[in-house]
Amino acid sequence: MLEARNLFFCDAKLGPDGGYRDRWVRVEAKPIPFYFPNWPARVAAARLHDFHHIASMKQIGPGKRKSPPGKLRVAARVIMRRAFLTLVRSAPG
């Protein structure tokens, strides 16, 4: 799983840790990019979103679409499903 995530970071040019430890997040908005704080909640959401890319075989960038091995894809889907169910169960009301 970590190998697939590291390949995703490399292909997407996100750095070795995916930008999780960066203080600011850069967003390429044409014509002027902007930055916003990389809060812990955003990092948590980004981690789940990165597994989404691995599970659905999507990569950021033109023409970069790779299929991870079947076991990795299944493991990523299981993690996403468990995270979603945990979120639903913890919702108030």
N, C-alpha and C. Protein backbone atom coordinates (compact mmCIF):
# COMPACT_ATOMS: atom_id res chain seq x y z
N MET A 1 0.82 -1.18 0.00
CA MET A 1 0.00 0.00 0.00
C MET A 1 0.87 1.25 0.00
N LEU A 2 1.90 1.24 0.84
CA LEU A 2 2.80 2.39 0.89
C LEU A 2 3.54 2.59 -0.43
N GLU A 3 3.88 1.48 -1.08
CA GLU A 3 4.56 1.58 -2.37
C GLU A 3 3.67 2.27 -3.41
N ALA A 4 2.41 1.90 -3.45
CA ALA A 4 1.48 2.54 -4.40
C ALA A 4 1.31 4.01 -4.07
N ARG A 5 1.24 4.34 -2.78
CA ARG A 5 1.10 5.74 -2.38
C ARG A 5 2.35 6.53 -2.77
N ASN A 6 3.52 5.95 -2.54
CA ASN A 6 4.76 6.63 -2.91
C ASN A 6 4.86 6.85 -4.41
N LEU A 7 4.42 5.88 -5.20
CA LEU A 7 4.39 6.06 -6.65
C LEU A 7 3.44 7.18 -7.05
N PHE A 8 2.30 7.25 -6.38
CA PHE A 8 1.35 8.34 -6.64
C PHE A 8 1.98 9.69 -6.34
N PHE A 9 2.65 9.81 -5.19
CA PHE A 9 3.31 11.07 -4.83
C PHE A 9 4.35 11.45 -5.88
N CYS A 10 5.12 10.47 -6.33
CA CYS A 10 6.17 10.73 -7.33
C CYS A 10 5.55 11.18 -8.65
N ASP A 11 4.55 10.46 -9.13
CA ASP A 11 3.89 10.81 -10.40
C ASP A 11 3.23 12.18 -10.34
N ALA A 12 2.65 12.52 -9.20
CA ALA A 12 1.93 13.78 -9.06
C ALA A 12 2.84 14.93 -8.65
N LYS A 13 4.14 14.62 -8.45
CA LYS A 13 5.13 15.63 -8.05
C LYS A 13 4.72 16.33 -6.75
N LEU A 14 4.32 15.52 -5.77
CA LEU A 14 3.88 16.04 -4.48
C LEU A 14 4.97 15.98 -3.41
N GLY A 15 6.13 15.47 -3.74
CA GLY A 15 7.19 15.33 -2.76
C GLY A 15 7.11 13.99 -2.06
N PRO A 16 8.14 13.65 -1.28
CA PRO A 16 8.18 12.32 -0.65
C PRO A 16 7.09 12.07 0.37
N ASP A 17 6.57 13.12 1.01
CA ASP A 17 5.52 12.91 2.01
C ASP A 17 4.16 13.40 1.52
N GLY A 18 4.03 13.73 0.26
CA GLY A 18 2.76 14.16 -0.30
C GLY A 18 2.35 15.56 0.09
N GLY A 19 3.26 16.29 0.72
CA GLY A 19 2.93 17.65 1.14
C GLY A 19 2.18 17.71 2.45
N TYR A 20 2.09 16.58 3.16
CA TYR A 20 1.35 16.54 4.42
C TYR A 20 1.97 17.44 5.48
N ARG A 21 3.29 17.60 5.45
CA ARG A 21 3.96 18.41 6.47
C ARG A 21 4.16 19.86 6.05
N ASP A 22 3.78 20.20 4.82
CA ASP A 22 3.93 21.58 4.37
C ASP A 22 3.05 22.50 5.21
N ARG A 23 3.54 23.70 5.43
CA ARG A 23 2.76 24.65 6.22
C ARG A 23 1.63 25.26 5.40
N TRP A 24 1.85 25.44 4.11
CA TRP A 24 0.87 26.05 3.21
C TRP A 24 0.62 25.14 2.02
N VAL A 25 -0.58 25.20 1.46
CA VAL A 25 -0.97 24.44 0.27
C VAL A 25 -1.11 25.42 -0.89
N ARG A 26 -0.46 25.11 -2.00
CA ARG A 26 -0.55 25.97 -3.18
C ARG A 26 -1.63 25.43 -4.11
N VAL A 27 -2.50 26.30 -4.56
CA VAL A 27 -3.55 25.95 -5.50
C VAL A 27 -3.30 26.73 -6.79
N GLU A 28 -3.20 25.99 -7.89
CA GLU A 28 -2.94 26.62 -9.19
C GLU A 28 -4.25 27.15 -9.77
N ALA A 29 -4.56 28.38 -9.46
CA ALA A 29 -5.75 29.03 -10.00
C ALA A 29 -5.28 30.05 -11.04
N LYS A 30 -5.71 29.90 -12.25
CA LYS A 30 -5.29 30.81 -13.31
C LYS A 30 -6.00 32.14 -13.17
N PRO A 31 -5.37 33.25 -13.32
CA PRO A 31 -3.97 33.44 -13.69
C PRO A 31 -3.03 33.50 -12.49
N ILE A 32 -3.55 33.58 -11.27
CA ILE A 32 -2.70 33.75 -10.09
C ILE A 32 -2.93 32.60 -9.12
N PRO A 33 -1.87 31.88 -8.75
CA PRO A 33 -2.03 30.83 -7.73
C PRO A 33 -2.26 31.45 -6.36
N PHE A 34 -2.92 30.70 -5.48
CA PHE A 34 -3.10 31.19 -4.11
C PHE A 34 -2.74 30.09 -3.13
N TYR A 35 -2.55 30.48 -1.89
CA TYR A 35 -2.14 29.56 -0.82
C TYR A 35 -3.15 29.60 0.31
N PHE A 36 -3.28 28.46 1.01
CA PHE A 36 -4.09 28.43 2.22
C PHE A 36 -3.40 27.52 3.23
N PRO A 37 -3.70 27.68 4.53
CA PRO A 37 -3.02 26.88 5.56
C PRO A 37 -3.31 25.39 5.42
N ASN A 38 -2.30 24.61 5.70
CA ASN A 38 -2.41 23.15 5.64
C ASN A 38 -2.79 22.63 7.02
N TRP A 39 -4.04 22.87 7.41
CA TRP A 39 -4.53 22.49 8.74
C TRP A 39 -4.60 20.98 8.89
N PRO A 40 -4.57 20.48 10.14
CA PRO A 40 -4.65 19.03 10.37
C PRO A 40 -5.90 18.38 9.74
N ALA A 41 -7.02 19.08 9.74
CA ALA A 41 -8.23 18.52 9.12
C ALA A 41 -8.04 18.34 7.62
N ARG A 42 -7.36 19.29 6.98
CA ARG A 42 -7.11 19.19 5.55
C ARG A 42 -6.16 18.03 5.26
N VAL A 43 -5.15 17.84 6.11
CA VAL A 43 -4.21 16.73 5.93
C VAL A 43 -4.94 15.40 6.05
N ALA A 44 -5.83 15.27 7.04
CA ALA A 44 -6.60 14.03 7.21
C ALA A 44 -7.46 13.76 5.98
N ALA A 45 -8.10 14.79 5.45
CA ALA A 45 -8.92 14.62 4.25
C ALA A 45 -8.05 14.27 3.05
N ALA A 46 -6.88 14.89 2.95
CA ALA A 46 -5.98 14.62 1.82
C ALA A 46 -5.49 13.17 1.85
N ARG A 47 -5.22 12.65 3.04
CA ARG A 47 -4.78 11.25 3.14
C ARG A 47 -5.85 10.29 2.59
N LEU A 48 -7.09 10.51 2.95
CA LEU A 48 -8.16 9.66 2.41
C LEU A 48 -8.31 9.87 0.91
N HIS A 49 -8.19 11.12 0.47
CA HIS A 49 -8.34 11.42 -0.95
C HIS A 49 -7.22 10.75 -1.75
N ASP A 50 -6.01 10.71 -1.20
CA ASP A 50 -4.91 10.04 -1.89
C ASP A 50 -5.20 8.55 -2.07
N PHE A 51 -5.76 7.91 -1.05
CA PHE A 51 -6.13 6.50 -1.19
C PHE A 51 -7.23 6.33 -2.24
N HIS A 52 -8.09 7.31 -2.37
CA HIS A 52 -9.11 7.28 -3.42
C HIS A 52 -8.44 7.22 -4.79
N HIS A 53 -7.40 8.01 -5.00
CA HIS A 53 -6.69 7.99 -6.28
C HIS A 53 -6.09 6.62 -6.55
N ILE A 54 -5.52 6.02 -5.52
CA ILE A 54 -4.92 4.69 -5.69
C ILE A 54 -6.00 3.66 -5.99
N ALA A 55 -7.10 3.71 -5.23
CA ALA A 55 -8.17 2.71 -5.40
C ALA A 55 -8.86 2.83 -6.74
N SER A 56 -9.01 4.05 -7.24
CA SER A 56 -9.73 4.23 -8.50
C SER A 56 -8.79 4.36 -9.69
N MET A 57 -7.51 4.15 -9.46
CA MET A 57 -6.50 4.17 -10.51
C MET A 57 -6.37 5.54 -11.18
N LYS A 58 -6.67 6.60 -10.47
CA LYS A 58 -6.55 7.93 -11.05
C LYS A 58 -5.25 8.57 -10.58
N GLN A 59 -4.61 9.27 -11.48
CA GLN A 59 -3.39 10.00 -11.15
C GLN A 59 -3.58 11.44 -11.59
N ILE A 60 -2.91 12.35 -10.92
CA ILE A 60 -2.96 13.75 -11.32
C ILE A 60 -1.96 13.96 -12.45
N GLY A 61 -2.36 14.67 -13.46
CA GLY A 61 -1.45 14.99 -14.55
C GLY A 61 -1.93 14.39 -15.85
N PRO A 62 -1.55 15.01 -16.95
CA PRO A 62 -1.99 14.53 -18.26
C PRO A 62 -1.37 13.18 -18.60
N GLY A 63 -2.21 12.25 -18.98
CA GLY A 63 -1.75 10.95 -19.45
C GLY A 63 -1.18 10.04 -18.37
N LYS A 64 -1.33 10.40 -17.13
CA LYS A 64 -0.78 9.58 -16.05
C LYS A 64 -1.91 8.80 -15.40
N ARG A 65 -2.10 7.60 -15.88
CA ARG A 65 -3.16 6.75 -15.34
C ARG A 65 -2.57 5.36 -15.21
N LYS A 66 -2.34 4.96 -13.99
CA LYS A 66 -1.72 3.66 -13.75
C LYS A 66 -2.64 2.80 -12.90
N SER A 67 -2.57 1.53 -13.15
CA SER A 67 -3.38 0.59 -12.38
C SER A 67 -2.50 -0.10 -11.36
N PRO A 68 -2.75 0.12 -10.07
CA PRO A 68 -1.97 -0.59 -9.05
C PRO A 68 -2.34 -2.07 -9.06
N PRO A 69 -1.46 -2.92 -8.53
CA PRO A 69 -1.79 -4.34 -8.45
C PRO A 69 -3.12 -4.57 -7.73
N GLY A 70 -3.79 -5.65 -8.10
CA GLY A 70 -5.12 -5.94 -7.57
C GLY A 70 -5.22 -5.92 -6.06
N LYS A 71 -4.24 -6.51 -5.37
CA LYS A 71 -4.29 -6.56 -3.90
C LYS A 71 -4.23 -5.16 -3.31
N LEU A 72 -3.42 -4.29 -3.88
CA LEU A 72 -3.33 -2.92 -3.38
C LEU A 72 -4.64 -2.17 -3.60
N ARG A 73 -5.24 -2.39 -4.76
CA ARG A 73 -6.50 -1.72 -5.09
C ARG A 73 -7.59 -2.16 -4.11
N VAL A 74 -7.66 -3.45 -3.83
CA VAL A 74 -8.66 -3.99 -2.91
C VAL A 74 -8.41 -3.46 -1.50
N ALA A 75 -7.15 -3.43 -1.07
CA ALA A 75 -6.83 -2.93 0.27
C ALA A 75 -7.22 -1.46 0.40
N ALA A 76 -6.97 -0.66 -0.62
CA ALA A 76 -7.34 0.75 -0.57
C ALA A 76 -8.85 0.91 -0.49
N ARG A 77 -9.59 0.09 -1.20
CA ARG A 77 -11.05 0.17 -1.14
C ARG A 77 -11.57 -0.22 0.24
N VAL A 78 -10.95 -1.22 0.86
CA VAL A 78 -11.36 -1.64 2.20
C VAL A 78 -11.11 -0.51 3.19
N ILE A 79 -9.96 0.14 3.08
CA ILE A 79 -9.65 1.27 3.97
C ILE A 79 -10.65 2.39 3.78
N MET A 80 -10.96 2.73 2.53
CA MET A 80 -11.92 3.79 2.26
C MET A 80 -13.30 3.44 2.82
N ARG A 81 -13.73 2.19 2.64
CA ARG A 81 -15.04 1.77 3.13
C ARG A 81 -15.10 1.85 4.66
N ARG A 82 -14.04 1.39 5.32
CA ARG A 82 -14.01 1.45 6.79
C ARG A 82 -14.00 2.89 7.28
N ALA A 83 -13.25 3.75 6.61
CA ALA A 83 -13.21 5.15 7.02
C ALA A 83 -14.58 5.79 6.85
N PHE A 84 -15.26 5.48 5.76
CA PHE A 84 -16.59 6.03 5.53
C PHE A 84 -17.58 5.54 6.59
N LEU A 85 -17.55 4.24 6.88
CA LEU A 85 -18.47 3.70 7.89
C LEU A 85 -18.20 4.27 9.27
N THR A 86 -16.93 4.47 9.59
CA THR A 86 -16.58 5.10 10.87
C THR A 86 -17.13 6.51 10.93
N LEU A 87 -17.00 7.24 9.85
CA LEU A 87 -17.51 8.61 9.79
C LEU A 87 -19.02 8.63 9.95
N VAL A 88 -19.72 7.74 9.26
CA VAL A 88 -21.19 7.68 9.33
C VAL A 88 -21.65 7.33 10.74
N ARG A 89 -20.98 6.36 11.34
CA ARG A 89 -21.37 5.92 12.70
C ARG A 89 -21.13 7.00 13.74
N SER A 90 -20.14 7.86 13.50
CA SER A 90 -19.81 8.89 14.49
C SER A 90 -20.62 10.17 14.30
N ALA A 91 -21.43 10.22 13.26
CA ALA A 91 -22.23 11.42 13.00
C ALA A 91 -23.29 11.60 14.09
N PRO A 92 -23.51 12.84 14.53
CA PRO A 92 -24.53 13.06 15.57
C PRO A 92 -25.94 12.82 15.04
N GLY A 93 -26.81 12.40 15.92
CA GLY A 93 -28.22 12.25 15.59
C GLY A 93 -28.54 10.92 15.11
